[in-house]
PDB file of all heavy atoms in Angstrom:
ATOM      1  N   ASN A   1       7.413   6.234  -1.726  1.00  0.00           N
ATOM      2  CA  ASN A   1       8.485   6.127  -2.701  1.00  0.00           C
ATOM      3  C   ASN A   1       9.707   5.589  -1.955  1.00  0.00           C
ATOM      4  O   ASN A   1      10.382   6.326  -1.255  1.00  0.00           O
ATOM      5  CB  ASN A   1       8.760   7.507  -3.315  1.00  0.00           C
ATOM      6  CG  ASN A   1       9.899   7.496  -4.329  1.00  0.00           C
ATOM      7  OD1 ASN A   1      10.790   6.646  -4.258  1.00  0.00           O
ATOM      8  ND2 ASN A   1       9.878   8.422  -5.247  1.00  0.00           N
ATOM      9  N   ASN A   2       9.949   4.279  -2.077  1.00  0.00           N
ATOM     10  CA  ASN A   2      11.112   3.624  -1.461  1.00  0.00           C
ATOM     11  C   ASN A   2      10.985   3.480   0.063  1.00  0.00           C
ATOM     12  O   ASN A   2      11.973   3.287   0.751  1.00  0.00           O
ATOM     13  CB  ASN A   2      12.421   4.363  -1.786  1.00  0.00           C
ATOM     14  CG  ASN A   2      13.625   3.447  -1.672  1.00  0.00           C
ATOM     15  OD1 ASN A   2      13.562   2.266  -1.975  1.00  0.00           O
ATOM     16  ND2 ASN A   2      14.742   3.996  -1.214  1.00  0.00           N
ATOM     17  N   VAL A   3       9.788   3.589   0.588  1.00  0.00           N
ATOM     18  CA  VAL A   3       9.554   3.386   2.000  1.00  0.00           C
ATOM     19  C   VAL A   3       8.556   2.243   2.178  1.00  0.00           C
ATOM     20  O   VAL A   3       7.443   2.299   1.637  1.00  0.00           O
ATOM     21  CB  VAL A   3       9.008   4.655   2.689  1.00  0.00           C
ATOM     22  CG1 VAL A   3       8.675   4.381   4.156  1.00  0.00           C
ATOM     23  CG2 VAL A   3      10.016   5.787   2.579  1.00  0.00           C
ATOM     24  N   ASP A   4       8.955   1.187   2.886  1.00  0.00           N
ATOM     25  CA  ASP A   4       8.086   0.043   3.092  1.00  0.00           C
ATOM     26  C   ASP A   4       6.939   0.390   4.033  1.00  0.00           C
ATOM     27  O   ASP A   4       7.059   1.276   4.890  1.00  0.00           O
ATOM     28  CB  ASP A   4       8.874  -1.137   3.675  1.00  0.00           C
ATOM     29  CG  ASP A   4       9.926  -1.655   2.702  1.00  0.00           C
ATOM     30  OD1 ASP A   4       9.679  -1.592   1.488  1.00  0.00           O
ATOM     31  OD2 ASP A   4      10.987  -2.116   3.168  1.00  0.00           O
ATOM     32  N   LEU A   5       5.814  -0.346   3.873  1.00  0.00           N
ATOM     33  CA  LEU A   5       4.598  -0.041   4.620  1.00  0.00           C
ATOM     34  C   LEU A   5       4.034  -1.285   5.285  1.00  0.00           C
ATOM     35  O   LEU A   5       4.030  -2.371   4.681  1.00  0.00           O
ATOM     36  CB  LEU A   5       3.537   0.541   3.683  1.00  0.00           C
ATOM     37  CG  LEU A   5       3.910   1.792   2.898  1.00  0.00           C
ATOM     38  CD1 LEU A   5       2.834   2.084   1.852  1.00  0.00           C
ATOM     39  CD2 LEU A   5       4.088   2.979   3.823  1.00  0.00           C
ATOM     40  N   ILE A   6       3.542  -1.127   6.506  1.00  0.00           N
ATOM     41  CA  ILE A   6       2.791  -2.169   7.184  1.00  0.00           C
ATOM     42  C   ILE A   6       1.466  -1.569   7.658  1.00  0.00           C
ATOM     43  O   ILE A   6       1.450  -0.512   8.291  1.00  0.00           O
ATOM     44  CB  ILE A   6       3.561  -2.744   8.392  1.00  0.00           C
ATOM     45  CG1 ILE A   6       4.813  -3.487   7.933  1.00  0.00           C
ATOM     46  CG2 ILE A   6       2.669  -3.671   9.209  1.00  0.00           C
ATOM     47  CD1 ILE A   6       5.658  -4.038   9.073  1.00  0.00           C
ATOM     48  N   PHE A   7       0.366  -2.241   7.314  1.00  0.00           N
ATOM     49  CA  PHE A   7      -0.966  -1.803   7.741  1.00  0.00           C
ATOM     50  C   PHE A   7      -1.602  -2.926   8.549  1.00  0.00           C
ATOM     51  O   PHE A   7      -1.768  -4.036   8.054  1.00  0.00           O
ATOM     52  CB  PHE A   7      -1.843  -1.484   6.535  1.00  0.00           C
ATOM     53  CG  PHE A   7      -1.323  -0.371   5.664  1.00  0.00           C
ATOM     54  CD1 PHE A   7      -0.571  -0.653   4.533  1.00  0.00           C
ATOM     55  CD2 PHE A   7      -1.580   0.944   5.990  1.00  0.00           C
ATOM     56  CE1 PHE A   7      -0.087   0.361   3.727  1.00  0.00           C
ATOM     57  CE2 PHE A   7      -1.096   1.986   5.179  1.00  0.00           C
ATOM     58  CZ  PHE A   7      -0.354   1.681   4.046  1.00  0.00           C
ATOM     59  N   ARG A   8      -1.986  -2.627   9.790  1.00  0.00           N
ATOM     60  CA  ARG A   8      -2.634  -3.598  10.653  1.00  0.00           C
ATOM     61  C   ARG A   8      -3.909  -2.990  11.231  1.00  0.00           C
ATOM     62  O   ARG A   8      -3.849  -2.014  11.967  1.00  0.00           O
ATOM     63  CB  ARG A   8      -1.694  -4.027  11.786  1.00  0.00           C
ATOM     64  CG  ARG A   8      -0.411  -4.719  11.323  1.00  0.00           C
ATOM     65  CD  ARG A   8       0.556  -4.907  12.451  1.00  0.00           C
ATOM     66  NE  ARG A   8       1.803  -5.531  12.026  1.00  0.00           N
ATOM     67  CZ  ARG A   8       2.990  -5.315  12.611  1.00  0.00           C
ATOM     68  NH1 ARG A   8       3.069  -4.500  13.652  1.00  0.00           N
ATOM     69  NH2 ARG A   8       4.073  -5.916  12.164  1.00  0.00           N
ATOM     70  N   ASN A   9      -5.033  -3.558  10.879  1.00  0.00           N
ATOM     71  CA  ASN A   9      -6.317  -3.119  11.418  1.00  0.00           C
ATOM     72  C   ASN A   9      -6.517  -1.615  11.215  1.00  0.00           C
ATOM     73  O   ASN A   9      -6.813  -0.879  12.151  1.00  0.00           O
ATOM     74  CB  ASN A   9      -6.429  -3.477  12.904  1.00  0.00           C
ATOM     75  CG  ASN A   9      -7.836  -3.258  13.446  1.00  0.00           C
ATOM     76  OD1 ASN A   9      -8.813  -3.428  12.742  1.00  0.00           O
ATOM     77  ND2 ASN A   9      -7.929  -2.846  14.698  1.00  0.00           N
ATOM     78  N   CYS A  10      -6.361  -1.174   9.979  1.00  0.00           N
ATOM     79  CA  CYS A  10      -6.484   0.249   9.665  1.00  0.00           C
ATOM     80  C   CYS A  10      -7.600   0.494   8.658  1.00  0.00           C
ATOM     81  O   CYS A  10      -8.035  -0.410   7.958  1.00  0.00           O
ATOM     82  CB  CYS A  10      -5.175   0.772   9.081  1.00  0.00           C
ATOM     83  SG  CYS A  10      -3.826   0.862  10.251  1.00  0.00           S
ATOM     84  N   SER A  11      -8.016   1.742   8.585  1.00  0.00           N
ATOM     85  CA  SER A  11      -8.917   2.197   7.528  1.00  0.00           C
ATOM     86  C   SER A  11      -8.229   3.349   6.821  1.00  0.00           C
ATOM     87  O   SER A  11      -8.002   4.413   7.408  1.00  0.00           O
ATOM     88  CB  SER A  11     -10.254   2.649   8.121  1.00  0.00           C
ATOM     89  OG  SER A  11     -11.083   3.197   7.118  1.00  0.00           O
ATOM     90  N   ILE A  12      -7.880   3.141   5.550  1.00  0.00           N
ATOM     91  CA  ILE A  12      -7.152   4.136   4.770  1.00  0.00           C
ATOM     92  C   ILE A  12      -7.987   4.450   3.532  1.00  0.00           C
ATOM     93  O   ILE A  12      -8.386   3.537   2.807  1.00  0.00           O
ATOM     94  CB  ILE A  12      -5.763   3.611   4.316  1.00  0.00           C
ATOM     95  CG1 ILE A  12      -5.061   2.867   5.460  1.00  0.00           C
ATOM     96  CG2 ILE A  12      -4.915   4.744   3.765  1.00  0.00           C
ATOM     97  CD1 ILE A  12      -4.628   3.721   6.610  1.00  0.00           C
ATOM     98  N   ASP A  13      -8.237   5.732   3.273  1.00  0.00           N
ATOM     99  CA  ASP A  13      -9.103   6.021   2.124  1.00  0.00           C
ATOM    100  C   ASP A  13      -8.392   5.844   0.784  1.00  0.00           C
ATOM    101  O   ASP A  13      -9.022   5.485  -0.212  1.00  0.00           O
ATOM    102  CB  ASP A  13      -9.740   7.408   2.237  1.00  0.00           C
ATOM    103  CG  ASP A  13      -8.729   8.535   2.384  1.00  0.00           C
ATOM    104  OD1 ASP A  13      -7.515   8.282   2.245  1.00  0.00           O
ATOM    105  OD2 ASP A  13      -9.158   9.674   2.642  1.00  0.00           O
ATOM    106  N   SER A  14      -7.050   6.028   0.727  1.00  0.00           N
ATOM    107  CA  SER A  14      -6.345   5.828  -0.535  1.00  0.00           C
ATOM    108  C   SER A  14      -4.853   5.674  -0.307  1.00  0.00           C
ATOM    109  O   SER A  14      -4.269   6.305   0.575  1.00  0.00           O
ATOM    110  CB  SER A  14      -6.603   6.994  -1.507  1.00  0.00           C
ATOM    111  OG  SER A  14      -6.239   8.238  -0.897  1.00  0.00           O
ATOM    112  N   ILE A  15      -4.236   4.795  -1.129  1.00  0.00           N
ATOM    113  CA  ILE A  15      -2.797   4.541  -1.055  1.00  0.00           C
ATOM    114  C   ILE A  15      -2.223   4.586  -2.471  1.00  0.00           C
ATOM    115  O   ILE A  15      -2.789   3.998  -3.399  1.00  0.00           O
ATOM    116  CB  ILE A  15      -2.500   3.169  -0.431  1.00  0.00           C
ATOM    117  CG1 ILE A  15      -3.038   3.101   0.997  1.00  0.00           C
ATOM    118  CG2 ILE A  15      -0.996   2.877  -0.442  1.00  0.00           C
ATOM    119  CD1 ILE A  15      -2.914   1.722   1.626  1.00  0.00           C
ATOM    120  N   TYR A  16      -1.119   5.268  -2.616  1.00  0.00           N
ATOM    121  CA  TYR A  16      -0.425   5.395  -3.914  1.00  0.00           C
ATOM    122  C   TYR A  16       1.011   4.942  -3.728  1.00  0.00           C
ATOM    123  O   TYR A  16       1.723   5.450  -2.861  1.00  0.00           O
ATOM    124  CB  TYR A  16      -0.453   6.851  -4.376  1.00  0.00           C
ATOM    125  CG  TYR A  16       0.104   7.149  -5.753  1.00  0.00           C
ATOM    126  CD1 TYR A  16      -0.725   7.621  -6.766  1.00  0.00           C
ATOM    127  CD2 TYR A  16       1.453   6.994  -6.043  1.00  0.00           C
ATOM    128  CE1 TYR A  16      -0.227   7.931  -8.030  1.00  0.00           C
ATOM    129  CE2 TYR A  16       1.968   7.286  -7.293  1.00  0.00           C
ATOM    130  CZ  TYR A  16       1.118   7.759  -8.281  1.00  0.00           C
ATOM    131  OH  TYR A  16       1.617   8.049  -9.524  1.00  0.00           O
ATOM    132  N   ILE A  17       1.445   3.976  -4.539  1.00  0.00           N
ATOM    133  CA  ILE A  17       2.831   3.525  -4.513  1.00  0.00           C
ATOM    134  C   ILE A  17       3.492   3.941  -5.811  1.00  0.00           C
ATOM    135  O   ILE A  17       2.982   3.654  -6.896  1.00  0.00           O
ATOM    136  CB  ILE A  17       2.910   1.990  -4.334  1.00  0.00           C
ATOM    137  CG1 ILE A  17       2.288   1.602  -2.986  1.00  0.00           C
ATOM    138  CG2 ILE A  17       4.356   1.511  -4.384  1.00  0.00           C
ATOM    139  CD1 ILE A  17       2.224   0.107  -2.747  1.00  0.00           C
ATOM    140  N   ASP A  18       4.621   4.611  -5.713  1.00  0.00           N
ATOM    141  CA  ASP A  18       5.307   5.133  -6.888  1.00  0.00           C
ATOM    142  C   ASP A  18       5.533   4.025  -7.906  1.00  0.00           C
ATOM    143  O   ASP A  18       6.068   2.952  -7.589  1.00  0.00           O
ATOM    144  CB  ASP A  18       6.646   5.749  -6.486  1.00  0.00           C
ATOM    145  CG  ASP A  18       7.283   6.497  -7.629  1.00  0.00           C
ATOM    146  OD1 ASP A  18       7.844   5.840  -8.512  1.00  0.00           O
ATOM    147  OD2 ASP A  18       7.211   7.740  -7.649  1.00  0.00           O
ATOM    148  N   GLU A  19       5.148   4.276  -9.141  1.00  0.00           N
ATOM    149  CA  GLU A  19       5.178   3.222 -10.163  1.00  0.00           C
ATOM    150  C   GLU A  19       6.585   2.799 -10.548  1.00  0.00           C
ATOM    151  O   GLU A  19       6.778   1.746 -11.156  1.00  0.00           O
ATOM    152  CB  GLU A  19       4.431   3.673 -11.413  1.00  0.00           C
ATOM    153  CG  GLU A  19       4.964   4.956 -12.026  1.00  0.00           C
ATOM    154  CD  GLU A  19       4.070   5.432 -13.175  1.00  0.00           C
ATOM    155  OE1 GLU A  19       3.401   4.579 -13.783  1.00  0.00           O
ATOM    156  OE2 GLU A  19       4.064   6.634 -13.449  1.00  0.00           O
ATOM    157  N   ASP A  20       7.589   3.579 -10.196  1.00  0.00           N
ATOM    158  CA  ASP A  20       8.960   3.248 -10.575  1.00  0.00           C
ATOM    159  C   ASP A  20       9.758   2.624  -9.444  1.00  0.00           C
ATOM    160  O   ASP A  20      10.908   2.238  -9.635  1.00  0.00           O
ATOM    161  CB  ASP A  20       9.696   4.508 -11.069  1.00  0.00           C
ATOM    162  CG  ASP A  20       9.054   5.082 -12.324  1.00  0.00           C
ATOM    163  OD1 ASP A  20       8.600   4.280 -13.161  1.00  0.00           O
ATOM    164  OD2 ASP A  20       9.000   6.314 -12.445  1.00  0.00           O
ATOM    165  N   VAL A  21       9.194   2.566  -8.242  1.00  0.00           N
ATOM    166  CA  VAL A  21       9.965   2.086  -7.084  1.00  0.00           C
ATOM    167  C   VAL A  21       9.178   0.992  -6.363  1.00  0.00           C
ATOM    168  O   VAL A  21       8.371   1.277  -5.477  1.00  0.00           O
ATOM    169  CB  VAL A  21      10.281   3.240  -6.113  1.00  0.00           C
ATOM    170  CG1 VAL A  21      11.193   2.739  -4.999  1.00  0.00           C
ATOM    171  CG2 VAL A  21      10.917   4.401  -6.838  1.00  0.00           C
ATOM    172  N   PRO A  22       9.382  -0.275  -6.726  1.00  0.00           N
ATOM    173  CA  PRO A  22       8.700  -1.361  -6.007  1.00  0.00           C
ATOM    174  C   PRO A  22       9.126  -1.388  -4.538  1.00  0.00           C
ATOM    175  O   PRO A  22      10.301  -1.224  -4.221  1.00  0.00           O
ATOM    176  CB  PRO A  22       9.179  -2.619  -6.729  1.00  0.00           C
ATOM    177  CG  PRO A  22       9.672  -2.153  -8.057  1.00  0.00           C
ATOM    178  CD  PRO A  22      10.227  -0.775  -7.816  1.00  0.00           C
ATOM    179  N   ILE A  23       8.180  -1.594  -3.663  1.00  0.00           N
ATOM    180  CA  ILE A  23       8.481  -1.668  -2.235  1.00  0.00           C
ATOM    181  C   ILE A  23       7.829  -2.931  -1.665  1.00  0.00           C
ATOM    182  O   ILE A  23       7.271  -3.736  -2.393  1.00  0.00           O
ATOM    183  CB  ILE A  23       7.958  -0.431  -1.478  1.00  0.00           C
ATOM    184  CG1 ILE A  23       6.432  -0.325  -1.597  1.00  0.00           C
ATOM    185  CG2 ILE A  23       8.637   0.842  -1.988  1.00  0.00           C
ATOM    186  CD1 ILE A  23       5.824   0.734  -0.722  1.00  0.00           C
ATOM    187  N   CYS A  24       7.933  -3.075  -0.368  1.00  0.00           N
ATOM    188  CA  CYS A  24       7.322  -4.210   0.315  1.00  0.00           C
ATOM    189  C   CYS A  24       6.156  -3.698   1.161  1.00  0.00           C
ATOM    190  O   CYS A  24       6.306  -2.729   1.903  1.00  0.00           O
ATOM    191  CB  CYS A  24       8.347  -4.922   1.186  1.00  0.00           C
ATOM    192  SG  CYS A  24       7.791  -6.519   1.788  1.00  0.00           S
ATOM    193  N   VAL A  25       5.012  -4.343   1.036  1.00  0.00           N
ATOM    194  CA  VAL A  25       3.816  -3.917   1.746  1.00  0.00           C
ATOM    195  C   VAL A  25       3.229  -5.114   2.506  1.00  0.00           C
ATOM    196  O   VAL A  25       3.021  -6.174   1.927  1.00  0.00           O
ATOM    197  CB  VAL A  25       2.749  -3.358   0.782  1.00  0.00           C
ATOM    198  CG1 VAL A  25       1.488  -2.968   1.581  1.00  0.00           C
ATOM    199  CG2 VAL A  25       3.288  -2.174   0.018  1.00  0.00           C
ATOM    200  N   GLU A  26       2.995  -4.921   3.791  1.00  0.00           N
ATOM    201  CA  GLU A  26       2.276  -5.918   4.582  1.00  0.00           C
ATOM    202  C   GLU A  26       0.925  -5.343   4.940  1.00  0.00           C
ATOM    203  O   GLU A  26       0.817  -4.250   5.481  1.00  0.00           O
ATOM    204  CB  GLU A  26       3.041  -6.275   5.850  1.00  0.00           C
ATOM    205  CG  GLU A  26       2.286  -7.259   6.755  1.00  0.00           C
ATOM    206  CD  GLU A  26       2.982  -7.482   8.075  1.00  0.00           C
ATOM    207  OE1 GLU A  26       4.222  -7.527   8.092  1.00  0.00           O
ATOM    208  OE2 GLU A  26       2.275  -7.608   9.098  1.00  0.00           O
ATOM    209  N   ILE A  27      -0.133  -6.082   4.653  1.00  0.00           N
ATOM    210  CA  ILE A  27      -1.476  -5.609   4.967  1.00  0.00           C
ATOM    211  C   ILE A  27      -2.309  -6.783   5.458  1.00  0.00           C
ATOM    212  O   ILE A  27      -2.300  -7.853   4.842  1.00  0.00           O
ATOM    213  CB  ILE A  27      -2.119  -4.933   3.727  1.00  0.00           C
ATOM    214  CG1 ILE A  27      -3.485  -4.354   4.074  1.00  0.00           C
ATOM    215  CG2 ILE A  27      -2.184  -5.873   2.541  1.00  0.00           C
ATOM    216  CD1 ILE A  27      -4.034  -3.421   3.002  1.00  0.00           C
ATOM    217  N   ASP A  28      -3.010  -6.614   6.578  1.00  0.00           N
ATOM    218  CA  ASP A  28      -3.750  -7.724   7.140  1.00  0.00           C
ATOM    219  C   ASP A  28      -5.220  -7.683   6.715  1.00  0.00           C
ATOM    220  O   ASP A  28      -5.682  -6.746   6.040  1.00  0.00           O
ATOM    221  CB  ASP A  28      -3.622  -7.766   8.661  1.00  0.00           C
ATOM    222  CG  ASP A  28      -4.261  -6.571   9.351  1.00  0.00           C
ATOM    223  OD1 ASP A  28      -4.943  -5.776   8.683  1.00  0.00           O
ATOM    224  OD2 ASP A  28      -4.054  -6.417  10.576  1.00  0.00           O
ATOM    225  N   ASP A  29      -5.967  -8.724   7.103  1.00  0.00           N
ATOM    226  CA  ASP A  29      -7.353  -8.854   6.689  1.00  0.00           C
ATOM    227  C   ASP A  29      -8.271  -7.833   7.362  1.00  0.00           C
ATOM    228  O   ASP A  29      -9.398  -7.631   6.918  1.00  0.00           O
ATOM    229  CB  ASP A  29      -7.875 -10.262   7.007  1.00  0.00           C
ATOM    230  CG  ASP A  29      -7.186 -11.342   6.190  1.00  0.00           C
ATOM    231  OD1 ASP A  29      -6.657 -10.987   5.103  1.00  0.00           O
ATOM    232  OD2 ASP A  29      -7.163 -12.509   6.629  1.00  0.00           O
ATOM    233  N   GLN A  30      -7.812  -7.212   8.435  1.00  0.00           N
ATOM    234  CA  GLN A  30      -8.649  -6.226   9.139  1.00  0.00           C
ATOM    235  C   GLN A  30      -8.495  -4.820   8.587  1.00  0.00           C
ATOM    236  O   GLN A  30      -9.140  -3.885   9.042  1.00  0.00           O
ATOM    237  CB  GLN A  30      -8.277  -6.218  10.635  1.00  0.00           C
ATOM    238  CG  GLN A  30      -8.755  -7.444  11.413  1.00  0.00           C
ATOM    239  CD  GLN A  30      -7.954  -8.681  11.099  1.00  0.00           C
ATOM    240  OE1 GLN A  30      -6.721  -8.631  11.116  1.00  0.00           O
ATOM    241  NE2 GLN A  30      -8.617  -9.787  10.809  1.00  0.00           N
ATOM    242  N   THR A  31      -7.632  -4.647   7.605  1.00  0.00           N
ATOM    243  CA  THR A  31      -7.388  -3.325   7.026  1.00  0.00           C
ATOM    244  C   THR A  31      -8.245  -3.122   5.783  1.00  0.00           C
ATOM    245  O   THR A  31      -8.336  -4.011   4.933  1.00  0.00           O
ATOM    246  CB  THR A  31      -5.907  -3.155   6.659  1.00  0.00           C
ATOM    247  OG1 THR A  31      -5.128  -3.152   7.862  1.00  0.00           O
ATOM    248  CG2 THR A  31      -5.669  -1.844   5.926  1.00  0.00           C
ATOM    249  N   THR A  32      -8.863  -1.958   5.706  1.00  0.00           N
ATOM    250  CA  THR A  32      -9.649  -1.611   4.526  1.00  0.00           C
ATOM    251  C   THR A  32      -9.011  -0.422   3.822  1.00  0.00           C
ATOM    252  O   THR A  32      -8.571   0.541   4.464  1.00  0.00           O
ATOM    253  CB  THR A  32     -11.101  -1.259   4.888  1.00  0.00           C
ATOM    254  OG1 THR A  32     -11.111  -0.139   5.800  1.00  0.00           O
ATOM    255  CG2 THR A  32     -11.788  -2.437   5.540  1.00  0.00           C
ATOM    256  N   VAL A  33      -8.944  -0.500   2.496  1.00  0.00           N
ATOM    257  CA  VAL A  33      -8.365   0.559   1.682  1.00  0.00           C
ATOM    258  C   VAL A  33      -9.398   0.955   0.635  1.00  0.00           C
ATOM    259  O   VAL A  33      -9.885   0.097  -0.123  1.00  0.00           O
ATOM    260  CB  VAL A  33      -7.064   0.109   0.990  1.00  0.00           C
ATOM    261  CG1 VAL A  33      -6.505   1.240   0.125  1.00  0.00           C
ATOM    262  CG2 VAL A  33      -6.042  -0.331   2.021  1.00  0.00           C
ATOM    263  N   GLY A  34      -9.717   2.245   0.596  1.00  0.00           N
ATOM    264  CA  GLY A  34     -10.724   2.703  -0.366  1.00  0.00           C
ATOM    265  C   GLY A  34     -10.260   2.577  -1.796  1.00  0.00           C
ATOM    266  O   GLY A  34     -10.936   1.989  -2.642  1.00  0.00           O
ATOM    267  N   ILE A  35      -9.056   3.109  -2.090  1.00  0.00           N
ATOM    268  CA  ILE A  35      -8.526   3.104  -3.452  1.00  0.00           C
ATOM    269  C   ILE A  35      -7.044   2.784  -3.432  1.00  0.00           C
ATOM    270  O   ILE A  35      -6.279   3.409  -2.692  1.00  0.00           O
ATOM    271  CB  ILE A  35      -8.736   4.479  -4.142  1.00  0.00           C
ATOM    272  CG1 ILE A  35     -10.227   4.827  -4.194  1.00  0.00           C
ATOM    273  CG2 ILE A  35      -8.155   4.477  -5.554  1.00  0.00           C
ATOM    274  CD1 ILE A  35     -10.495   6.227  -4.721  1.00  0.00           C
ATOM    275  N   TRP A  36      -6.623   1.811  -4.240  1.00  0.00           N
ATOM    276  CA  TRP A  36      -5.200   1.564  -4.489  1.00  0.00           C
ATOM    277  C   TRP A  36      -4.844   2.229  -5.806  1.00  0.00           C
ATOM    278  O   TRP A  36      -5.555   2.092  -6.792  1.00  0.00           O
ATOM    279  CB  TRP A  36      -4.918   0.063  -4.619  1.00  0.00           C
ATOM    280  CG  TRP A  36      -4.893  -0.682  -3.323  1.00  0.00           C
ATOM    281  CD1 TRP A  36      -5.914  -1.389  -2.759  1.00  0.00           C
ATOM    282  CD2 TRP A  36      -3.784  -0.807  -2.431  1.00  0.00           C
ATOM    283  NE1 TRP A  36      -5.516  -1.949  -1.561  1.00  0.00           N
ATOM    284  CE2 TRP A  36      -4.211  -1.607  -1.334  1.00  0.00           C
ATOM    285  CE3 TRP A  36      -2.478  -0.330  -2.446  1.00  0.00           C
ATOM    286  CZ2 TRP A  36      -3.377  -1.945  -0.284  1.00  0.00           C
ATOM    287  CZ3 TRP A  36      -1.638  -0.667  -1.381  1.00  0.00           C
ATOM    288  CH2 TRP A  36      -2.102  -1.457  -0.316  1.00  0.00           C
ATOM    289  N   LYS A  37      -3.695   2.931  -5.844  1.00  0.00           N
ATOM    290  CA  LYS A  37      -3.272   3.598  -7.062  1.00  0.00           C
ATOM    291  C   LYS A  37      -1.843   3.221  -7.411  1.00  0.00           C
ATOM    292  O   LYS A  37      -0.974   3.148  -6.548  1.00  0.00           O
ATOM    293  CB  LYS A  37      -3.355   5.119  -6.917  1.00  0.00           C
ATOM    294  CG  LYS A  37      -4.749   5.664  -6.607  1.00  0.00           C
ATOM    295  CD  LYS A  37      -4.719   7.173  -6.498  1.00  0.00           C
ATOM    296  CE  LYS A  37      -6.096   7.735  -6.221  1.00  0.00           C
ATOM    297  NZ  LYS A  37      -6.080   9.215  -6.104  1.00  0.00           N
ATOM    298  N   LYS A  38      -1.600   2.995  -8.698  1.00  0.00           N
ATOM    299  CA  LYS A  38      -0.236   2.846  -9.229  1.00  0.00           C
ATOM    300  C   LYS A  38       0.592   1.809  -8.477  1.00  0.00           C
ATOM    301  O   LYS A  38       1.646   2.115  -7.920  1.00  0.00           O
ATOM    302  CB  LYS A  38       0.494   4.207  -9.201  1.00  0.00           C
ATOM    303  CG  LYS A  38      -0.124   5.284 -10.077  1.00  0.00           C
ATOM    304  CD  LYS A  38       0.103   4.992 -11.544  1.00  0.00           C
ATOM    305  CE  LYS A  38      -0.401   6.147 -12.399  1.00  0.00           C
ATOM    306  NZ  LYS A  38      -0.193   5.920 -13.841  1.00  0.00           N
ATOM    307  N   ILE A  39       0.120   0.592  -8.445  1.00  0.00           N
ATOM    308  CA  ILE A  39       0.912  -0.468  -7.819  1.00  0.00           C
ATOM    309  C   ILE A  39       1.901  -0.989  -8.867  1.00  0.00           C
ATOM    310  O   ILE A  39       1.516  -1.601  -9.863  1.00  0.00           O
ATOM    311  CB  ILE A  39       0.015  -1.635  -7.342  1.00  0.00           C
ATOM    312  CG1 ILE A  39      -1.094  -1.104  -6.428  1.00  0.00           C
ATOM    313  CG2 ILE A  39       0.849  -2.686  -6.630  1.00  0.00           C
ATOM    314  CD1 ILE A  39      -0.601  -0.404  -5.202  1.00  0.00           C
ATOM    315  N   PRO A  40       3.202  -0.746  -8.706  1.00  0.00           N
ATOM    316  CA  PRO A  40       4.178  -1.118  -9.729  1.00  0.00           C
ATOM    317  C   PRO A  40       4.495  -2.606  -9.735  1.00  0.00           C
ATOM    318  O   PRO A  40       4.348  -3.285  -8.713  1.00  0.00           O
ATOM    319  CB  PRO A  40       5.412  -0.306  -9.361  1.00  0.00           C
ATOM    320  CG  PRO A  40       5.304  -0.154  -7.889  1.00  0.00           C
ATOM    321  CD  PRO A  40       3.825  -0.053  -7.575  1.00  0.00           C
ATOM    322  N   LEU A  41       4.918  -3.104 -10.889  1.00  0.00           N
ATOM    323  CA  LEU A  41       5.405  -4.472 -10.955  1.00  0.00           C
ATOM    324  C   LEU A  41       6.614  -4.619 -10.034  1.00  0.00           C
ATOM    325  O   LEU A  41       7.460  -3.729  -9.970  1.00  0.00           O
ATOM    326  CB  LEU A  41       5.808  -4.817 -12.394  1.00  0.00           C
ATOM    327  CG  LEU A  41       4.679  -4.908 -13.420  1.00  0.00           C
ATOM    328  CD1 LEU A  41       5.250  -5.142 -14.818  1.00  0.00           C
ATOM    329  CD2 LEU A  41       3.715  -6.026 -13.050  1.00  0.00           C
ATOM    330  N   GLY A  42       6.663  -5.710  -9.297  1.00  0.00           N
ATOM    331  CA  GLY A  42       7.772  -5.923  -8.377  1.00  0.00           C
ATOM    332  C   GLY A  42       7.436  -5.594  -6.942  1.00  0.00           C
ATOM    333  O   GLY A  42       8.172  -5.942  -6.038  1.00  0.00           O
TER     334      GLY A  42
END
């Protein structure tokens, strides 16, 4: 919630981004995410 994220060569089982607070996310091709939840517009 209002905290930017960078993922590099990671394995994350689930990520949730608050639907009311758009943030900036950097994620590379080596990162795997099991489930994305509530990615807000913006």
